[in-house]
């Protein structure tokens, strides 16, 4: 699973880097909330969004492993 996440992150970074090099005007994303305003390049926004998605997938995978841990411990104690 880790290898898949690393490959996905590497592909995401490569795609964003290629997009930054090839686009003459990559665009801009503006996020506002009240008095706060954040401006960033579209490619960097996509990179951050993709990284957040990969992090969420890894976190869900970790929670799933921890969720099954008590059942595994009970099964091992029955075998012993």
PDB file of N, CA and C in Angstrom:
ATOM      1  N   UNK A   1       0.822  -1.189   0.000  1.00  0.00           N
ATOM      2  CA  UNK A   1       0.000   0.000   0.000  1.00  0.00           C
ATOM      3  C   UNK A   1       0.867   1.254   0.000  1.00  0.00           C
ATOM      4  N   UNK A   2       1.948   1.215   0.777  1.00  0.00           N
ATOM      5  CA  UNK A   2       2.832   2.383   0.817  1.00  0.00           C
ATOM      6  C   UNK A   2       3.439   2.658  -0.545  1.00  0.00           C
ATOM      7  N   UNK A   3       3.800   1.582  -1.231  1.00  0.00           N
ATOM      8  CA  UNK A   3       4.405   1.744  -2.552  1.00  0.00           C
ATOM      9  C   UNK A   3       3.419   2.397  -3.512  1.00  0.00           C
ATOM     10  N   UNK A   4       2.164   1.998  -3.446  1.00  0.00           N
ATOM     11  CA  UNK A   4       1.144   2.601  -4.313  1.00  0.00           C
ATOM     12  C   UNK A   4       0.972   4.085  -4.013  1.00  0.00           C
ATOM     13  N   UNK A   5       0.952   4.432  -2.727  1.00  0.00           N
ATOM     14  CA  UNK A   5       0.811   5.837  -2.362  1.00  0.00           C
ATOM     15  C   UNK A   5       2.009   6.657  -2.823  1.00  0.00           C
ATOM     16  N   UNK A   6       3.204   6.096  -2.685  1.00  0.00           N
ATOM     17  CA  UNK A   6       4.392   6.816  -3.132  1.00  0.00           C
ATOM     18  C   UNK A   6       4.411   6.987  -4.645  1.00  0.00           C
ATOM     19  N   UNK A   7       3.995   5.958  -5.368  1.00  0.00           N
ATOM     20  CA  UNK A   7       3.929   6.057  -6.828  1.00  0.00           C
ATOM     21  C   UNK A   7       2.879   7.087  -7.234  1.00  0.00           C
ATOM     22  N   UNK A   8       1.735   7.080  -6.564  1.00  0.00           N
ATOM     23  CA  UNK A   8       0.693   8.058  -6.879  1.00  0.00           C
ATOM     24  C   UNK A   8       1.169   9.478  -6.585  1.00  0.00           C
ATOM     25  N   UNK A   9       1.879   9.662  -5.479  1.00  0.00           N
ATOM     26  CA  UNK A   9       2.405  10.987  -5.149  1.00  0.00           C
ATOM     27  C   UNK A   9       3.457  11.421  -6.158  1.00  0.00           C
ATOM     28  N   UNK A  10       4.322  10.506  -6.573  1.00  0.00           N
ATOM     29  CA  UNK A  10       5.338  10.839  -7.575  1.00  0.00           C
ATOM     30  C   UNK A  10       4.692  11.208  -8.907  1.00  0.00           C
ATOM     31  N   UNK A  11       3.657  10.481  -9.299  1.00  0.00           N
ATOM     32  CA  UNK A  11       2.944  10.812 -10.546  1.00  0.00           C
ATOM     33  C   UNK A  11       2.258  12.166 -10.439  1.00  0.00           C
ATOM     34  N   UNK A  12       1.693  12.451  -9.287  1.00  0.00           N
ATOM     35  CA  UNK A  12       1.038  13.738  -9.071  1.00  0.00           C
ATOM     36  C   UNK A  12       2.032  14.881  -9.163  1.00  0.00           C
ATOM     37  N   UNK A  13       3.179  14.730  -8.519  1.00  0.00           N
ATOM     38  CA  UNK A  13       4.211  15.771  -8.567  1.00  0.00           C
ATOM     39  C   UNK A  13       4.739  15.940  -9.988  1.00  0.00           C
ATOM     40  N   UNK A  14       4.942  14.838 -10.691  1.00  0.00           N
ATOM     41  CA  UNK A  14       5.426  14.922 -12.072  1.00  0.00           C
ATOM     42  C   UNK A  14       4.409  15.613 -12.973  1.00  0.00           C
ATOM     43  N   UNK A  15       3.135  15.294 -12.804  1.00  0.00           N
ATOM     44  CA  UNK A  15       2.101  15.922 -13.629  1.00  0.00           C
ATOM     45  C   UNK A  15       2.003  17.414 -13.352  1.00  0.00           C
ATOM     46  N   UNK A  16       2.103  17.795 -12.095  1.00  0.00           N
ATOM     47  CA  UNK A  16       2.045  19.221 -11.752  1.00  0.00           C
ATOM     48  C   UNK A  16       3.274  19.940 -12.288  1.00  0.00           C
ATOM     49  N   UNK A  17       4.439  19.333 -12.151  1.00  0.00           N
ATOM     50  CA  UNK A  17       5.654  19.946 -12.691  1.00  0.00           C
ATOM     51  C   UNK A  17       5.599  20.109 -14.192  1.00  0.00           C
ATOM     52  N   UNK A  18       5.103  19.099 -14.877  1.00  0.00           N
ATOM     53  CA  UNK A  18       4.953  19.183 -16.327  1.00  0.00           C
ATOM     54  C   UNK A  18       3.943  20.260 -16.705  1.00  0.00           C
ATOM     55  N   UNK A  19       2.868  20.348 -15.954  1.00  0.00           N
ATOM     56  CA  UNK A  19       1.870  21.386 -16.208  1.00  0.00           C
ATOM     57  C   UNK A  19       2.419  22.778 -16.002  1.00  0.00           C
ATOM     58  N   UNK A  20       3.273  22.930 -14.996  1.00  0.00           N
ATOM     59  CA  UNK A  20       3.887  24.241 -14.752  1.00  0.00           C
ATOM     60  C   UNK A  20       4.833  24.628 -15.879  1.00  0.00           C
ATOM     61  N   UNK A  21       5.553  23.665 -16.424  1.00  0.00           N
ATOM     62  CA  UNK A  21       6.505  23.964 -17.490  1.00  0.00           C
ATOM     63  C   UNK A  21       5.822  24.225 -18.820  1.00  0.00           C
ATOM     64  N   UNK A  22       4.756  23.498 -19.116  1.00  0.00           N
ATOM     65  CA  UNK A  22       4.134  23.596 -20.426  1.00  0.00           C
ATOM     66  C   UNK A  22       3.135  24.743 -20.542  1.00  0.00           C
ATOM     67  N   UNK A  23       2.508  25.129 -19.464  1.00  0.00           N
ATOM     68  CA  UNK A  23       1.471  26.156 -19.537  1.00  0.00           C
ATOM     69  C   UNK A  23       2.088  27.548 -19.529  1.00  0.00           C
ATOM     70  N   UNK A  24       1.659  28.379 -20.468  1.00  0.00           N
ATOM     71  CA  UNK A  24       2.147  29.760 -20.477  1.00  0.00           C
ATOM     72  C   UNK A  24       1.436  30.572 -19.394  1.00  0.00           C
ATOM     73  N   UNK A  25       0.155  30.285 -19.146  1.00  0.00           N
ATOM     74  CA  UNK A  25      -0.599  30.938 -18.075  1.00  0.00           C
ATOM     75  C   UNK A  25      -1.364  29.856 -17.316  1.00  0.00           C
ATOM     76  N   UNK A  26      -0.755  29.295 -16.259  1.00  0.00           N
ATOM     77  CA  UNK A  26      -1.373  28.161 -15.580  1.00  0.00           C
ATOM     78  C   UNK A  26      -2.640  28.512 -14.802  1.00  0.00           C
ATOM     79  N   UNK A  27      -2.916  29.771 -14.585  1.00  0.00           N
ATOM     80  CA  UNK A  27      -4.118  30.161 -13.852  1.00  0.00           C
ATOM     81  C   UNK A  27      -3.842  30.345 -12.376  1.00  0.00           C
ATOM     82  N   UNK A  28      -4.861  30.812 -11.691  1.00  0.00           N
ATOM     83  CA  UNK A  28      -4.720  31.125 -10.279  1.00  0.00           C
ATOM     84  C   UNK A  28      -6.002  30.744  -9.551  1.00  0.00           C
ATOM     85  N   UNK A  29      -5.858  30.275  -8.333  1.00  0.00           N
ATOM     86  CA  UNK A  29      -7.000  29.931  -7.494  1.00  0.00           C
ATOM     87  C   UNK A  29      -7.018  30.909  -6.335  1.00  0.00           C
ATOM     88  N   UNK A  30      -8.182  31.495  -6.079  1.00  0.00           N
ATOM     89  CA  UNK A  30      -8.337  32.433  -4.965  1.00  0.00           C
ATOM     90  C   UNK A  30      -9.385  31.862  -4.020  1.00  0.00           C
ATOM     91  N   UNK A  31      -8.997  31.693  -2.768  1.00  0.00           N
ATOM     92  CA  UNK A  31      -9.905  31.177  -1.746  1.00  0.00           C
ATOM     93  C   UNK A  31     -10.063  32.269  -0.699  1.00  0.00           C
ATOM     94  N   UNK A  32     -11.308  32.660  -0.433  1.00  0.00           N
ATOM     95  CA  UNK A  32     -11.549  33.719   0.550  1.00  0.00           C
ATOM     96  C   UNK A  32     -12.529  33.228   1.601  1.00  0.00           C
ATOM     97  N   UNK A  33     -12.348  33.725   2.791  1.00  0.00           N
ATOM     98  CA  UNK A  33     -13.276  33.452   3.891  1.00  0.00           C
ATOM     99  C   UNK A  33     -13.202  34.647   4.824  1.00  0.00           C
ATOM    100  N   UNK A  34     -14.200  35.488   4.792  1.00  0.00           N
ATOM    101  CA  UNK A  34     -14.186  36.698   5.611  1.00  0.00           C
ATOM    102  C   UNK A  34     -13.034  37.597   5.179  1.00  0.00           C
ATOM    103  N   UNK A  35     -12.222  38.034   6.131  1.00  0.00           N
ATOM    104  CA  UNK A  35     -11.101  38.914   5.761  1.00  0.00           C
ATOM    105  C   UNK A  35      -9.885  38.163   5.213  1.00  0.00           C
ATOM    106  N   UNK A  36      -9.896  36.846   5.272  1.00  0.00           N
ATOM    107  CA  UNK A  36      -8.750  36.056   4.825  1.00  0.00           C
ATOM    108  C   UNK A  36      -8.845  35.766   3.334  1.00  0.00           C
ATOM    109  N   UNK A  37      -7.704  35.838   2.656  1.00  0.00           N
ATOM    110  CA  UNK A  37      -7.665  35.513   1.237  1.00  0.00           C
ATOM    111  C   UNK A  37      -6.357  34.789   0.931  1.00  0.00           C
ATOM    112  N   UNK A  38      -6.465  33.688   0.199  1.00  0.00           N
ATOM    113  CA  UNK A  38      -5.292  32.913  -0.202  1.00  0.00           C
ATOM    114  C   UNK A  38      -5.287  32.835  -1.717  1.00  0.00           C
ATOM    115  N   UNK A  39      -4.165  33.187  -2.327  1.00  0.00           N
ATOM    116  CA  UNK A  39      -3.983  33.063  -3.773  1.00  0.00           C
ATOM    117  C   UNK A  39      -2.866  32.069  -4.023  1.00  0.00           C
ATOM    118  N   UNK A  40      -3.118  31.178  -4.959  1.00  0.00           N
ATOM    119  CA  UNK A  40      -2.059  30.239  -5.318  1.00  0.00           C
ATOM    120  C   UNK A  40      -2.214  29.818  -6.768  1.00  0.00           C
ATOM    121  N   UNK A  41      -1.129  29.317  -7.289  1.00  0.00           N
ATOM    122  CA  UNK A  41      -1.090  28.812  -8.654  1.00  0.00           C
ATOM    123  C   UNK A  41      -2.019  27.607  -8.759  1.00  0.00           C
ATOM    124  N   UNK A  42      -2.675  27.456  -9.896  1.00  0.00           N
ATOM    125  CA  UNK A  42      -3.603  26.340 -10.088  1.00  0.00           C
ATOM    126  C   UNK A  42      -2.894  24.992  -9.957  1.00  0.00           C
ATOM    127  N   UNK A  43      -1.697  24.881 -10.518  1.00  0.00           N
ATOM    128  CA  UNK A  43      -0.961  23.615 -10.448  1.00  0.00           C
ATOM    129  C   UNK A  43      -0.595  23.271  -9.003  1.00  0.00           C
ATOM    130  N   UNK A  44      -0.205  24.267  -8.227  1.00  0.00           N
ATOM    131  CA  UNK A  44       0.123  24.005  -6.823  1.00  0.00           C
ATOM    132  C   UNK A  44      -1.126  23.655  -6.020  1.00  0.00           C
ATOM    133  N   UNK A  45      -2.252  24.255  -6.387  1.00  0.00           N
ATOM    134  CA  UNK A  45      -3.515  23.911  -5.738  1.00  0.00           C
ATOM    135  C   UNK A  45      -3.877  22.452  -6.010  1.00  0.00           C
ATOM    136  N   UNK A  46      -3.698  22.023  -7.254  1.00  0.00           N
ATOM    137  CA  UNK A  46      -3.966  20.626  -7.607  1.00  0.00           C
ATOM    138  C   UNK A  46      -3.012  19.702  -6.858  1.00  0.00           C
ATOM    139  N   UNK A  47      -1.752  20.105  -6.730  1.00  0.00           N
ATOM    140  CA  UNK A  47      -0.783  19.309  -5.975  1.00  0.00           C
ATOM    141  C   UNK A  47      -1.213  19.175  -4.518  1.00  0.00           C
ATOM    142  N   UNK A  48      -1.615  20.277  -3.901  1.00  0.00           N
ATOM    143  CA  UNK A  48      -2.051  20.239  -2.506  1.00  0.00           C
ATOM    144  C   UNK A  48      -3.315  19.400  -2.345  1.00  0.00           C
ATOM    145  N   UNK A  49      -4.230  19.530  -3.282  1.00  0.00           N
ATOM    146  CA  UNK A  49      -5.468  18.757  -3.226  1.00  0.00           C
ATOM    147  C   UNK A  49      -5.191  17.262  -3.388  1.00  0.00           C
ATOM    148  N   UNK A  50      -4.325  16.918  -4.321  1.00  0.00           N
ATOM    149  CA  UNK A  50      -3.961  15.515  -4.520  1.00  0.00           C
ATOM    150  C   UNK A  50      -3.223  14.941  -3.326  1.00  0.00           C
ATOM    151  N   UNK A  51      -2.315  15.726  -2.750  1.00  0.00           N
ATOM    152  CA  UNK A  51      -1.587  15.264  -1.568  1.00  0.00           C
ATOM    153  C   UNK A  51      -2.543  15.055  -0.395  1.00  0.00           C
ATOM    154  N   UNK A  52      -3.520  15.946  -0.244  1.00  0.00           N
ATOM    155  CA  UNK A  52      -4.509  15.782   0.823  1.00  0.00           C
ATOM    156  C   UNK A  52      -5.343  14.523   0.607  1.00  0.00           C
ATOM    157  N   UNK A  53      -5.681  14.245  -0.642  1.00  0.00           N
ATOM    158  CA  UNK A  53      -6.443  13.034  -0.956  1.00  0.00           C
ATOM    159  C   UNK A  53      -5.631  11.778  -0.647  1.00  0.00           C
ATOM    160  N   UNK A  54      -4.357  11.778  -1.019  1.00  0.00           N
ATOM    161  CA  UNK A  54      -3.503  10.623  -0.723  1.00  0.00           C
ATOM    162  C   UNK A  54      -3.319  10.445   0.781  1.00  0.00           C
ATOM    163  N   UNK A  55      -3.187  11.547   1.504  1.00  0.00           N
ATOM    164  CA  UNK A  55      -3.054  11.481   2.955  1.00  0.00           C
ATOM    165  C   UNK A  55      -4.328  10.932   3.591  1.00  0.00           C
ATOM    166  N   UNK A  56      -5.480  11.342   3.079  1.00  0.00           N
ATOM    167  CA  UNK A  56      -6.748  10.827   3.597  1.00  0.00           C
ATOM    168  C   UNK A  56      -6.872   9.328   3.331  1.00  0.00           C
ATOM    169  N   UNK A  57      -6.452   8.886   2.154  1.00  0.00           N
ATOM    170  CA  UNK A  57      -6.491   7.448   1.837  1.00  0.00           C
ATOM    171  C   UNK A  57      -5.580   6.664   2.774  1.00  0.00           C
ATOM    172  N   UNK A  58      -4.398   7.193   3.033  1.00  0.00           N
ATOM    173  CA  UNK A  58      -3.469   6.522   3.943  1.00  0.00           C
ATOM    174  C   UNK A  58      -4.031   6.485   5.364  1.00  0.00           C
ATOM    175  N   UNK A  59      -4.668   7.562   5.785  1.00  0.00           N
ATOM    176  CA  UNK A  59      -5.256   7.597   7.125  1.00  0.00           C
ATOM    177  C   UNK A  59      -6.397   6.592   7.249  1.00  0.00           C
ATOM    178  N   UNK A  60      -7.231   6.504   6.227  1.00  0.00           N
ATOM    179  CA  UNK A  60      -8.323   5.522   6.255  1.00  0.00           C
ATOM    180  C   UNK A  60      -7.788   4.098   6.284  1.00  0.00           C
ATOM    181  N   UNK A  61      -6.717   3.864   5.550  1.00  0.00           N
ATOM    182  CA  UNK A  61      -6.091   2.536   5.555  1.00  0.00           C
ATOM    183  C   UNK A  61      -5.557   2.214   6.957  1.00  0.00           C
ATOM    184  N   UNK A  62      -4.933   3.200   7.596  1.00  0.00           N
ATOM    185  CA  UNK A  62      -4.426   3.001   8.946  1.00  0.00           C
ATOM    186  C   UNK A  62      -5.531   2.736   9.951  1.00  0.00           C
ATOM    187  N   UNK A  63      -6.635   3.451   9.822  1.00  0.00           N
ATOM    188  CA  UNK A  63      -7.777   3.228  10.714  1.00  0.00           C
ATOM    189  C   UNK A  63      -8.352   1.832  10.499  1.00  0.00           C
ATOM    190  N   UNK A  64      -8.409   1.391   9.246  1.00  0.00           N
ATOM    191  CA  UNK A  64      -8.926   0.048   8.961  1.00  0.00           C
ATOM    192  C   UNK A  64      -8.043  -1.023   9.589  1.00  0.00           C
ATOM    193  N   UNK A  65      -6.738  -0.838   9.534  1.00  0.00           N
ATOM    194  CA  UNK A  65      -5.814  -1.801  10.143  1.00  0.00           C
ATOM    195  C   UNK A  65      -5.990  -1.810  11.657  1.00  0.00           C
ATOM    196  N   UNK A  66      -6.096  -0.631  12.263  1.00  0.00           N
ATOM    197  CA  UNK A  66      -6.281  -0.561  13.712  1.00  0.00           C
ATOM    198  C   UNK A  66      -7.642  -1.115  14.133  1.00  0.00           C
ATOM    199  N   UNK A  67      -8.644  -0.960  13.288  1.00  0.00           N
ATOM    200  CA  UNK A  67      -9.978  -1.459  13.601  1.00  0.00           C
ATOM    201  C   UNK A  67      -9.986  -2.986  13.694  1.00  0.00           C
ATOM    202  N   UNK A  68      -9.181  -3.628  12.842  1.00  0.00           N
ATOM    203  CA  UNK A  68      -9.129  -5.092  12.843  1.00  0.00           C
ATOM    204  C   UNK A  68      -8.167  -5.647  13.894  1.00  0.00           C
ATOM    205  N   UNK A  69      -7.357  -4.817  14.513  1.00  0.00           N
ATOM    206  CA  UNK A  69      -6.340  -5.289  15.450  1.00  0.00           C
ATOM    207  C   UNK A  69      -6.923  -6.047  16.645  1.00  0.00           C
ATOM    208  N   UNK A  70      -7.990  -5.579  17.306  1.00  0.00           N
ATOM    209  CA  UNK A  70      -8.509  -6.355  18.450  1.00  0.00           C
ATOM    210  C   UNK A  70      -8.968  -7.759  18.064  1.00  0.00           C
ATOM    211  N   UNK A  71      -9.583  -7.899  16.904  1.00  0.00           N
ATOM    212  CA  UNK A  71     -10.021  -9.234  16.468  1.00  0.00           C
ATOM    213  C   UNK A  71      -8.819 -10.141  16.229  1.00  0.00           C
ATOM    214  N   UNK A  72      -7.770  -9.596  15.679  1.00  0.00           N
ATOM    215  CA  UNK A  72      -6.557 -10.393  15.456  1.00  0.00           C
ATOM    216  C   UNK A  72      -5.938 -10.825  16.779  1.00  0.00           C
ATOM    217  N   UNK A  73      -5.920  -9.917  17.754  1.00  0.00           N
ATOM    218  CA  UNK A  73      -5.353 -10.264  19.059  1.00  0.00           C
ATOM    219  C   UNK A  73      -6.178 -11.354  19.739  1.00  0.00           C
ATOM    220  N   UNK A  74      -7.505 -11.264  19.642  1.00  0.00           N
ATOM    221  CA  UNK A  74      -8.352 -12.298  20.226  1.00  0.00           C
ATOM    222  C   UNK A  74      -8.134 -13.641  19.539  1.00  0.00           C
ATOM    223  N   UNK A  75      -7.986 -13.630  18.232  1.00  0.00           N
ATOM    224  CA  UNK A  75      -7.755 -14.879  17.493  1.00  0.00           C
ATOM    225  C   UNK A  75      -6.420 -15.494  17.883  1.00  0.00           C
ATOM    226  N   UNK A  76      -5.411 -14.679  18.064  1.00  0.00           N
ATOM    227  CA  UNK A  76      -4.098 -15.203  18.475  1.00  0.00           C
ATOM    228  C   UNK A  76      -4.146 -15.773  19.884  1.00  0.00           C
ATOM    229  N   UNK A  77      -4.886 -15.113  20.781  1.00  0.00           N
ATOM    230  CA  UNK A  77      -4.952 -15.612  22.157  1.00  0.00           C
ATOM    231  C   UNK A  77      -5.723 -16.933  22.224  1.00  0.00           C
ATOM    232  N   UNK A  78      -6.695 -17.134  21.346  1.00  0.00           N
ATOM    233  CA  UNK A  78      -7.422 -18.409  21.301  1.00  0.00           C
ATOM    234  C   UNK A  78      -6.529 -19.531  20.793  1.00  0.00           C
ATOM    235  N   UNK A  79      -5.655 -19.210  19.829  1.00  0.00           N
ATOM    236  CA  UNK A  79      -4.760 -20.222  19.265  1.00  0.00           C
ATOM    237  C   UNK A  79      -3.697 -20.659  20.266  1.00  0.00           C
ATOM    238  N   UNK A  80      -3.288 -19.751  21.138  1.00  0.00           N
ATOM    239  CA  UNK A  80      -2.198 -20.054  22.071  1.00  0.00           C
ATOM    240  C   UNK A  80      -2.630 -20.886  23.242  1.00  0.00           C
TER     241      UNK A  80
END
